[in-house]
Amino acid sequence: MNLKQKIVLPGESITTEEEYSAGKNTYSDKGIIRATATGEAVLDDVKKEARISGKRVERLRQGDIVVGRVMLVKESTAVIELLSAEGGKKIMGIKTAQLPIRNVSTEYVAELRKAVKIGDLVRARIEMASPLAIDLLTSEKGLGVIKAYCSTCRKEMQYSNDKLMCLDCGSSEERKWFEAEQKPREFAPREGGFRSGGGFRGGRGGFGGRGGFGDRRPRFGGDRSRSGGFGHSSGGEGRSFGGHSAGGNRGFVPRRDNRSFGQQNNF
């Protein structure tokens, strides 16, 4: 039996499908036979098979729990160096991941640099995993910063009463601590929004409010002391188009012959 052997890592190219078929701990990727485990690559010329004699290494997938160190904190994301994975999985391939600010907590995070800081150890869940990038989340209880270091003296801090205290310099800091209780994010309507019975922003001068659109029927001229609608007549000469005013202050007068607007006439 003619065997050719060499040591390979997961994802490494072994041979091509034109020469060998994919055997144990290998897979085909666009005509290339690649390894799924660390070990010896065996090319069997008799069976025309490529296989790996070693333990299979599982790749990181969505939902896996990882532990990493914060390397960089930007305005909207933190860069995490992946150190280990739970469930016996090993960190292979991509060594860093992103923690977007939207995935940090269920509560509103105004400033990411207060939730995580450079050097902190973070326990997170993988939200998205691809060959090019990994996104993490810590918005669950049990996930977040598991070890924090003081920004002033770089000593390890102690968590107590929703705060992290440095016993060396007395500094107090905030973090998205993994043991902290998670509260659901609340969305409260803005004050003065839509209200029942009042229209938009209600009150005086708004839509549907007192003195605004829809408060009363519109008037064209006339005195506000006397109300009248279209075609309203209150007797006397010269009925107005929008009401009759006491004292002679009349509005729009279409005729001066005692005919009210809308009365049937023979022209």
C-alpha atoms as a PDB file:
ATOM      1  CA  MET A   1       0.000   0.000   0.000  1.00  0.00           C
ATOM      2  CA  ASN A   2       1.517   3.304  -1.076  1.00  0.00           C
ATOM      3  CA  LEU A   3       0.799   6.002   1.567  1.00  0.00           C
ATOM      4  CA  LYS A   4       1.960   9.602   1.568  1.00  0.00           C
ATOM      5  CA  GLN A   5       1.704  11.473   4.903  1.00  0.00           C
ATOM      6  CA  LYS A   6       2.124  15.033   6.106  1.00  0.00           C
ATOM      7  CA  ILE A   7       0.929  17.110   9.100  1.00  0.00           C
ATOM      8  CA  VAL A   8      -1.934  19.530   8.315  1.00  0.00           C
ATOM      9  CA  LEU A   9      -4.253  21.954  10.114  1.00  0.00           C
ATOM     10  CA  PRO A  10      -8.028  22.407   9.728  1.00  0.00           C
ATOM     11  CA  GLY A  11      -8.884  24.159   6.470  1.00  0.00           C
ATOM     12  CA  GLU A  12      -5.508  23.414   4.903  1.00  0.00           C
ATOM     13  CA  SER A  13      -5.405  22.117   1.343  1.00  0.00           C
ATOM     14  CA  ILE A  14      -4.373  18.457   0.969  1.00  0.00           C
ATOM     15  CA  THR A  15      -4.931  17.542  -2.667  1.00  0.00           C
ATOM     16  CA  THR A  16      -7.476  17.827  -5.475  1.00  0.00           C
ATOM     17  CA  GLU A  17     -10.594  15.858  -6.387  1.00  0.00           C
ATOM     18  CA  GLU A  18      -8.994  14.951  -9.706  1.00  0.00           C
ATOM     19  CA  GLU A  19      -6.479  12.727  -7.872  1.00  0.00           C
ATOM     20  CA  TYR A  20      -8.240  11.598  -4.687  1.00  0.00           C
ATOM     21  CA  SER A  21     -11.679  11.449  -3.088  1.00  0.00           C
ATOM     22  CA  ALA A  22     -12.484  13.018   0.294  1.00  0.00           C
ATOM     23  CA  GLY A  23     -12.153  10.545   3.165  1.00  0.00           C
ATOM     24  CA  LYS A  24     -12.242  10.752   6.958  1.00  0.00           C
ATOM     25  CA  ASN A  25     -11.847  14.245   8.472  1.00  0.00           C
ATOM     26  CA  THR A  26     -11.729  15.917   5.048  1.00  0.00           C
ATOM     27  CA  TYR A  27     -14.146  17.801   2.826  1.00  0.00           C
ATOM     28  CA  SER A  28     -14.296  19.024  -0.758  1.00  0.00           C
ATOM     29  CA  ASP A  29     -14.205  22.765  -1.438  1.00  0.00           C
ATOM     30  CA  LYS A  30     -14.526  23.741  -5.110  1.00  0.00           C
ATOM     31  CA  GLY A  31     -12.435  20.807  -6.259  1.00  0.00           C
ATOM     32  CA  ILE A  32      -9.913  21.057  -3.394  1.00  0.00           C
ATOM     33  CA  ILE A  33      -9.724  18.440  -0.619  1.00  0.00           C
ATOM     34  CA  ARG A  34      -9.249  20.213   2.726  1.00  0.00           C
ATOM     35  CA  ALA A  35      -8.740  19.017   6.293  1.00  0.00           C
ATOM     36  CA  THR A  36     -11.309  19.345   9.084  1.00  0.00           C
ATOM     37  CA  ALA A  37      -8.897  18.184  11.797  1.00  0.00           C
ATOM     38  CA  THR A  38      -5.300  18.577  12.911  1.00  0.00           C
ATOM     39  CA  GLY A  39      -3.215  15.506  12.195  1.00  0.00           C
ATOM     40  CA  GLU A  40      -1.507  13.483   9.526  1.00  0.00           C
ATOM     41  CA  ALA A  41      -2.865  13.706   5.989  1.00  0.00           C
ATOM     42  CA  VAL A  42      -2.890  10.262   4.432  1.00  0.00           C
ATOM     43  CA  LEU A  43      -3.020   9.970   0.636  1.00  0.00           C
ATOM     44  CA  ASP A  44      -3.905   6.393  -0.215  1.00  0.00           C
ATOM     45  CA  ASP A  45      -2.860   5.656  -3.803  1.00  0.00           C
ATOM     46  CA  VAL A  46      -4.578   2.260  -3.782  1.00  0.00           C
ATOM     47  CA  LYS A  47      -8.029   3.530  -2.682  1.00  0.00           C
ATOM     48  CA  LYS A  48      -7.392   6.942  -4.220  1.00  0.00           C
ATOM     49  CA  GLU A  49      -8.600   8.488  -0.966  1.00  0.00           C
ATOM     50  CA  ALA A  50      -7.407  11.400   1.161  1.00  0.00           C
ATOM     51  CA  ARG A  51      -8.001  11.232   4.914  1.00  0.00           C
ATOM     52  CA  ILE A  52      -6.753  12.730   8.176  1.00  0.00           C
ATOM     53  CA  SER A  53      -5.633  10.529  11.041  1.00  0.00           C
ATOM     54  CA  GLY A  54      -6.453  12.800  13.953  1.00  0.00           C
ATOM     55  CA  LYS A  55      -9.190  14.270  16.110  1.00  0.00           C
ATOM     56  CA  ARG A  56     -11.781  16.362  14.339  1.00  0.00           C
ATOM     57  CA  VAL A  57     -11.794  20.043  15.347  1.00  0.00           C
ATOM     58  CA  GLU A  58     -15.202  21.720  15.261  1.00  0.00           C
ATOM     59  CA  ARG A  59     -15.385  25.179  13.789  1.00  0.00           C
ATOM     60  CA  LEU A  60     -16.997  28.040  15.709  1.00  0.00           C
ATOM     61  CA  ARG A  61     -20.671  28.408  14.881  1.00  0.00           C
ATOM     62  CA  GLN A  62     -23.585  30.684  15.720  1.00  0.00           C
ATOM     63  CA  GLY A  63     -24.591  30.199  19.365  1.00  0.00           C
ATOM     64  CA  ASP A  64     -21.154  29.087  20.631  1.00  0.00           C
ATOM     65  CA  ILE A  65     -19.816  30.705  23.824  1.00  0.00           C
ATOM     66  CA  VAL A  66     -16.329  32.218  23.662  1.00  0.00           C
ATOM     67  CA  VAL A  67     -14.001  34.145  25.975  1.00  0.00           C
ATOM     68  CA  GLY A  68     -11.878  36.984  24.648  1.00  0.00           C
ATOM     69  CA  ARG A  69      -9.861  40.040  25.563  1.00  0.00           C
ATOM     70  CA  VAL A  70     -10.864  43.567  24.521  1.00  0.00           C
ATOM     71  CA  MET A  71      -8.174  44.898  22.193  1.00  0.00           C
ATOM     72  CA  LEU A  72      -9.785  48.072  20.847  1.00  0.00           C
ATOM     73  CA  VAL A  73     -12.915  50.098  21.620  1.00  0.00           C
ATOM     74  CA  LYS A  74     -14.385  52.328  18.924  1.00  0.00           C
ATOM     75  CA  GLU A  75     -17.522  54.437  18.935  1.00  0.00           C
ATOM     76  CA  SER A  76     -19.846  51.707  17.697  1.00  0.00           C
ATOM     77  CA  THR A  77     -17.909  48.445  18.071  1.00  0.00           C
ATOM     78  CA  ALA A  78     -15.235  46.722  20.156  1.00  0.00           C
ATOM     79  CA  VAL A  79     -12.557  44.396  18.772  1.00  0.00           C
ATOM     80  CA  ILE A  80     -12.204  41.199  20.806  1.00  0.00           C
ATOM     81  CA  GLU A  81      -9.252  38.804  20.632  1.00  0.00           C
ATOM     82  CA  LEU A  82     -10.648  35.275  20.904  1.00  0.00           C
ATOM     83  CA  LEU A  83      -8.864  33.220  23.563  1.00  0.00           C
ATOM     84  CA  SER A  84     -10.987  30.111  24.109  1.00  0.00           C
ATOM     85  CA  ALA A  85     -14.322  28.486  23.290  1.00  0.00           C
ATOM     86  CA  GLU A  86     -16.594  26.378  25.461  1.00  0.00           C
ATOM     87  CA  GLY A  87     -17.665  22.872  24.529  1.00  0.00           C
ATOM     88  CA  GLY A  88     -14.190  21.613  23.686  1.00  0.00           C
ATOM     89  CA  LYS A  89     -13.901  23.709  20.542  1.00  0.00           C
ATOM     90  CA  LYS A  90     -10.649  25.378  19.546  1.00  0.00           C
ATOM     91  CA  ILE A  91     -10.087  28.806  18.059  1.00  0.00           C
ATOM     92  CA  MET A  92      -8.979  28.126  14.494  1.00  0.00           C
ATOM     93  CA  GLY A  93      -8.717  30.516  11.572  1.00  0.00           C
ATOM     94  CA  ILE A  94     -10.140  33.904  12.623  1.00  0.00           C
ATOM     95  CA  LYS A  95      -8.604  35.077  15.902  1.00  0.00           C
ATOM     96  CA  THR A  96     -10.613  38.282  16.422  1.00  0.00           C
ATOM     97  CA  ALA A  97     -14.301  39.194  16.557  1.00  0.00           C
ATOM     98  CA  GLN A  98     -16.489  42.297  16.681  1.00  0.00           C
ATOM     99  CA  LEU A  99     -18.840  43.295  19.505  1.00  0.00           C
ATOM    100  CA  PRO A 100     -21.269  45.895  18.057  1.00  0.00           C
ATOM    101  CA  ILE A 101     -22.761  48.404  20.498  1.00  0.00           C
ATOM    102  CA  ARG A 102     -26.289  47.182  19.648  1.00  0.00           C
ATOM    103  CA  ASN A 103     -25.381  43.707  21.000  1.00  0.00           C
ATOM    104  CA  VAL A 104     -23.845  44.802  24.301  1.00  0.00           C
ATOM    105  CA  SER A 105     -26.933  45.043  26.516  1.00  0.00           C
ATOM    106  CA  THR A 106     -30.728  44.991  26.537  1.00  0.00           C
ATOM    107  CA  GLU A 107     -30.530  48.445  28.094  1.00  0.00           C
ATOM    108  CA  TYR A 108     -29.576  51.572  26.176  1.00  0.00           C
ATOM    109  CA  VAL A 109     -25.794  51.998  25.878  1.00  0.00           C
ATOM    110  CA  ALA A 110     -24.933  55.646  25.262  1.00  0.00           C
ATOM    111  CA  GLU A 111     -21.156  55.160  25.271  1.00  0.00           C
ATOM    112  CA  LEU A 112     -19.454  51.851  24.464  1.00  0.00           C
ATOM    113  CA  ARG A 113     -16.267  52.830  26.337  1.00  0.00           C
ATOM    114  CA  LYS A 114     -18.223  52.690  29.603  1.00  0.00           C
ATOM    115  CA  ALA A 115     -19.519  49.167  28.922  1.00  0.00           C
ATOM    116  CA  VAL A 116     -16.177  47.563  27.986  1.00  0.00           C
ATOM    117  CA  LYS A 117     -12.585  48.771  28.235  1.00  0.00           C
ATOM    118  CA  ILE A 118      -9.276  47.690  26.742  1.00  0.00           C
ATOM    119  CA  GLY A 119      -7.832  44.711  28.617  1.00  0.00           C
ATOM    120  CA  ASP A 120     -11.152  43.440  29.986  1.00  0.00           C
ATOM    121  CA  LEU A 121     -11.976  39.747  29.642  1.00  0.00           C
ATOM    122  CA  VAL A 122     -15.376  39.175  28.057  1.00  0.00           C
ATOM    123  CA  ARG A 123     -17.632  36.124  27.887  1.00  0.00           C
ATOM    124  CA  ALA A 124     -19.840  36.342  24.800  1.00  0.00           C
ATOM    125  CA  ARG A 125     -22.066  34.373  22.470  1.00  0.00           C
ATOM    126  CA  ILE A 126     -21.439  34.200  18.715  1.00  0.00           C
ATOM    127  CA  GLU A 127     -24.268  35.948  16.872  1.00  0.00           C
ATOM    128  CA  MET A 128     -22.841  35.479  13.382  1.00  0.00           C
ATOM    129  CA  ALA A 129     -19.899  33.401  12.129  1.00  0.00           C
ATOM    130  CA  SER A 130     -18.459  33.329   8.613  1.00  0.00           C
ATOM    131  CA  PRO A 131     -15.031  32.574   7.148  1.00  0.00           C
ATOM    132  CA  LEU A 132     -14.331  36.326   7.107  1.00  0.00           C
ATOM    133  CA  ALA A 133     -15.882  37.732  10.304  1.00  0.00           C
ATOM    134  CA  ILE A 134     -17.447  36.901  13.658  1.00  0.00           C
ATOM    135  CA  ASP A 135     -19.975  39.073  15.518  1.00  0.00           C
ATOM    136  CA  LEU A 136     -20.545  38.645  19.254  1.00  0.00           C
ATOM    137  CA  LEU A 137     -23.290  39.575  21.703  1.00  0.00           C
ATOM    138  CA  THR A 138     -23.323  40.044  25.480  1.00  0.00           C
ATOM    139  CA  SER A 139     -26.969  41.133  25.913  1.00  0.00           C
ATOM    140  CA  GLU A 140     -27.855  38.184  28.180  1.00  0.00           C
ATOM    141  CA  LYS A 141     -27.353  37.465  31.847  1.00  0.00           C
ATOM    142  CA  GLY A 142     -24.165  35.462  32.279  1.00  0.00           C
ATOM    143  CA  LEU A 143     -22.514  37.266  29.365  1.00  0.00           C
ATOM    144  CA  GLY A 144     -20.364  40.377  29.501  1.00  0.00           C
ATOM    145  CA  VAL A 145     -17.199  41.476  31.276  1.00  0.00           C
ATOM    146  CA  ILE A 146     -15.928  38.712  33.602  1.00  0.00           C
ATOM    147  CA  LYS A 147     -12.696  40.442  34.612  1.00  0.00           C
ATOM    148  CA  ALA A 148     -12.140  44.196  34.570  1.00  0.00           C
ATOM    149  CA  TYR A 149      -9.036  46.269  35.182  1.00  0.00           C
ATOM    150  CA  CYS A 150      -8.892  49.768  36.642  1.00  0.00           C
ATOM    151  CA  SER A 151      -8.349  52.506  34.070  1.00  0.00           C
ATOM    152  CA  THR A 152      -6.169  54.429  36.545  1.00  0.00           C
ATOM    153  CA  CYS A 153      -3.847  51.852  38.125  1.00  0.00           C
ATOM    154  CA  ARG A 154      -4.613  48.754  35.980  1.00  0.00           C
ATOM    155  CA  LYS A 155      -5.388  46.592  39.006  1.00  0.00           C
ATOM    156  CA  GLU A 156      -8.198  44.054  38.913  1.00  0.00           C
ATOM    157  CA  MET A 157     -11.497  45.535  40.069  1.00  0.00           C
ATOM    158  CA  GLN A 158     -14.176  44.063  42.359  1.00  0.00           C
ATOM    159  CA  TYR A 159     -17.895  44.100  41.531  1.00  0.00           C
ATOM    160  CA  SER A 160     -20.317  45.277  44.245  1.00  0.00           C
ATOM    161  CA  ASN A 161     -23.698  47.051  44.236  1.00  0.00           C
ATOM    162  CA  ASP A 162     -23.849  47.419  40.442  1.00  0.00           C
ATOM    163  CA  LYS A 163     -20.425  49.091  40.430  1.00  0.00           C
ATOM    164  CA  LEU A 164     -16.825  48.029  39.932  1.00  0.00           C
ATOM    165  CA  MET A 165     -14.482  49.249  42.661  1.00  0.00           C
ATOM    166  CA  CYS A 166     -10.703  49.350  42.639  1.00  0.00           C
ATOM    167  CA  LEU A 167      -9.451  48.458  46.122  1.00  0.00           C
ATOM    168  CA  ASP A 168      -6.029  49.981  45.392  1.00  0.00           C
ATOM    169  CA  CYS A 169      -6.884  53.508  44.201  1.00  0.00           C
ATOM    170  CA  GLY A 170     -10.586  53.692  45.124  1.00  0.00           C
ATOM    171  CA  SER A 171     -11.744  54.317  41.548  1.00  0.00           C
ATOM    172  CA  SER A 172     -15.332  53.419  40.620  1.00  0.00           C
ATOM    173  CA  GLU A 173     -16.253  52.470  37.052  1.00  0.00           C
ATOM    174  CA  GLU A 174     -19.110  51.042  34.999  1.00  0.00           C
ATOM    175  CA  ARG A 175     -19.150  47.894  32.881  1.00  0.00           C
ATOM    176  CA  LYS A 176     -21.604  45.516  31.260  1.00  0.00           C
ATOM    177  CA  TRP A 177     -20.949  42.998  34.055  1.00  0.00           C
ATOM    178  CA  PHE A 178     -21.836  39.382  33.299  1.00  0.00           C
ATOM    179  CA  GLU A 179     -23.676  38.877  36.632  1.00  0.00           C
ATOM    180  CA  ALA A 180     -25.739  42.068  36.420  1.00  0.00           C
ATOM    181  CA  GLU A 181     -29.495  41.665  36.009  1.00  0.00           C
ATOM    182  CA  GLN A 182     -30.643  42.552  32.496  1.00  0.00           C
ATOM    183  CA  LYS A 183     -33.609  44.897  32.153  1.00  0.00           C
ATOM    184  CA  PRO A 184     -35.690  45.062  28.963  1.00  0.00           C
ATOM    185  CA  ARG A 185     -35.226  48.189  26.900  1.00  0.00           C
ATOM    186  CA  GLU A 186     -38.205  50.499  27.327  1.00  0.00           C
ATOM    187  CA  PHE A 187     -39.597  52.703  24.578  1.00  0.00           C
ATOM    188  CA  ALA A 188     -41.739  55.504  26.014  1.00  0.00           C
ATOM    189  CA  PRO A 189     -43.738  57.781  23.660  1.00  0.00           C
ATOM    190  CA  ARG A 190     -42.633  61.374  23.476  1.00  0.00           C
ATOM    191  CA  GLU A 191     -44.478  63.879  25.628  1.00  0.00           C
ATOM    192  CA  GLY A 192     -47.126  65.785  23.719  1.00  0.00           C
ATOM    193  CA  GLY A 193     -47.645  63.167  21.000  1.00  0.00           C
ATOM    194  CA  PHE A 194     -50.957  61.791  19.782  1.00  0.00           C
ATOM    195  CA  ARG A 195     -53.649  62.019  22.441  1.00  0.00           C
ATOM    196  CA  SER A 196     -57.236  60.852  22.409  1.00  0.00           C
ATOM    197  CA  GLY A 197     -59.782  63.583  21.870  1.00  0.00           C
ATOM    198  CA  GLY A 198     -57.210  66.289  21.224  1.00  0.00           C
ATOM    199  CA  GLY A 199     -55.556  65.576  17.902  1.00  0.00           C
ATOM    200  CA  PHE A 200     -51.843  65.973  17.238  1.00  0.00           C
ATOM    201  CA  ARG A 201     -50.123  67.601  20.224  1.00  0.00           C
ATOM    202  CA  GLY A 202     -53.534  68.559  21.572  1.00  0.00           C
ATOM    203  CA  GLY A 203     -54.036  71.636  23.720  1.00  0.00           C
ATOM    204  CA  ARG A 204     -54.543  75.213  22.548  1.00  0.00           C
ATOM    205  CA  GLY A 205     -53.561  75.985  19.000  1.00  0.00           C
ATOM    206  CA  GLY A 206     -52.864  72.394  17.816  1.00  0.00           C
ATOM    207  CA  PHE A 207     -54.610  70.230  15.290  1.00  0.00           C
ATOM    208  CA  GLY A 208     -58.031  69.496  16.716  1.00  0.00           C
ATOM    209  CA  GLY A 209     -57.320  71.479  19.874  1.00  0.00           C
ATOM    210  CA  ARG A 210     -58.955  74.646  21.132  1.00  0.00           C
ATOM    211  CA  GLY A 211     -58.355  77.472  18.730  1.00  0.00           C
ATOM    212  CA  GLY A 212     -56.725  75.223  16.090  1.00  0.00           C
ATOM    213  CA  PHE A 213     -57.842  73.461  12.971  1.00  0.00           C
ATOM    214  CA  GLY A 214     -61.234  71.865  13.518  1.00  0.00           C
ATOM    215  CA  ASP A 215     -62.070  73.921  16.644  1.00  0.00           C
ATOM    216  CA  ARG A 216     -65.103  75.607  15.164  1.00  0.00           C
ATOM    217  CA  ARG A 217     -66.533  76.259  11.761  1.00  0.00           C
ATOM    218  CA  PRO A 218     -64.464  78.900   9.922  1.00  0.00           C
ATOM    219  CA  ARG A 219     -65.685  82.472   9.724  1.00  0.00           C
ATOM    220  CA  PHE A 220     -65.047  85.039   7.081  1.00  0.00           C
ATOM    221  CA  GLY A 221     -64.957  88.337   8.837  1.00  0.00           C
ATOM    222  CA  GLY A 222     -67.596  89.317  11.320  1.00  0.00           C
ATOM    223  CA  ASP A 223     -67.550  89.692  15.068  1.00  0.00           C
ATOM    224  CA  ARG A 224     -66.594  86.627  17.185  1.00  0.00           C
ATOM    225  CA  SER A 225     -69.264  87.585  19.690  1.00  0.00           C
ATOM    226  CA  ARG A 226     -71.929  86.307  17.378  1.00  0.00           C
ATOM    227  CA  SER A 227     -71.569  82.885  15.754  1.00  0.00           C
ATOM    228  CA  GLY A 228     -72.940  81.932  12.390  1.00  0.00           C
ATOM    229  CA  GLY A 229     -72.216  79.332   9.770  1.00  0.00           C
ATOM    230  CA  PHE A 230     -72.436  79.373   6.025  1.00  0.00           C
ATOM    231  CA  GLY A 231     -75.780  80.849   5.047  1.00  0.00           C
ATOM    232  CA  HIS A 232     -76.738  81.693   8.649  1.00  0.00           C
ATOM    233  CA  SER A 233     -79.097  84.604   8.980  1.00  0.00           C
ATOM    234  CA  SER A 234     -80.082  86.514  12.054  1.00  0.00           C
ATOM    235  CA  GLY A 235     -82.568  88.921  10.515  1.00  0.00           C
ATOM    236  CA  GLY A 236     -82.153  92.438   9.216  1.00  0.00           C
ATOM    237  CA  GLU A 237     -80.783  93.858   6.051  1.00  0.00           C
ATOM    238  CA  GLY A 238     -77.616  92.567   4.431  1.00  0.00           C
ATOM    239  CA  ARG A 239     -76.977  89.002   5.659  1.00  0.00           C
ATOM    240  CA  SER A 240     -73.291  88.133   5.742  1.00  0.00           C
ATOM    241  CA  PHE A 241     -71.514  85.085   4.332  1.00  0.00           C
ATOM    242  CA  GLY A 242     -70.034  83.930   7.654  1.00  0.00           C
ATOM    243  CA  GLY A 243     -72.121  85.489  10.395  1.00  0.00           C
ATOM    244  CA  HIS A 244     -73.832  88.742  11.403  1.00  0.00           C
ATOM    245  CA  SER A 245     -72.124  91.205  13.659  1.00  0.00           C
ATOM    246  CA  ALA A 246     -73.771  93.558  16.024  1.00  0.00           C
ATOM    247  CA  GLY A 247     -72.897  97.189  15.499  1.00  0.00           C
ATOM    248  CA  GLY A 248     -72.610  97.065  11.734  1.00  0.00           C
ATOM    249  CA  ASN A 249     -69.272  95.275  11.465  1.00  0.00           C
ATOM    250  CA  ARG A 250     -70.316  92.895   8.701  1.00  0.00           C
ATOM    251  CA  GLY A 251     -68.338  90.268   6.839  1.00  0.00           C
ATOM    252  CA  PHE A 252     -68.599  89.391   3.172  1.00  0.00           C
ATOM    253  CA  VAL A 253     -71.979  90.655   1.851  1.00  0.00           C
ATOM    254  CA  PRO A 254     -72.787  89.202  -1.578  1.00  0.00           C
ATOM    255  CA  ARG A 255     -76.084  91.122  -2.016  1.00  0.00           C
ATOM    256  CA  ARG A 256     -77.933  94.006  -0.437  1.00  0.00           C
ATOM    257  CA  ASP A 257     -81.499  92.910  -1.229  1.00  0.00           C
ATOM    258  CA  ASN A 258     -82.350  90.828   1.849  1.00  0.00           C
ATOM    259  CA  ARG A 259     -81.531  87.517   0.091  1.00  0.00           C
ATOM    260  CA  SER A 260     -79.530  85.065   2.187  1.00  0.00           C
ATOM    261  CA  PHE A 261     -76.758  83.006   0.621  1.00  0.00           C
ATOM    262  CA  GLY A 262     -78.172  79.704  -0.594  1.00  0.00           C
ATOM    263  CA  GLN A 263     -81.827  80.942  -0.844  1.00  0.00           C
ATOM    264  CA  GLN A 264     -83.622  79.883  -3.991  1.00  0.00           C
ATOM    265  CA  ASN A 265     -84.083  82.776  -6.360  1.00  0.00           C
ATOM    266  CA  ASN A 266     -85.370  83.145  -9.833  1.00  0.00           C
ATOM    267  CA  PHE A 267     -82.784  84.848 -11.977  1.00  0.00           C
END
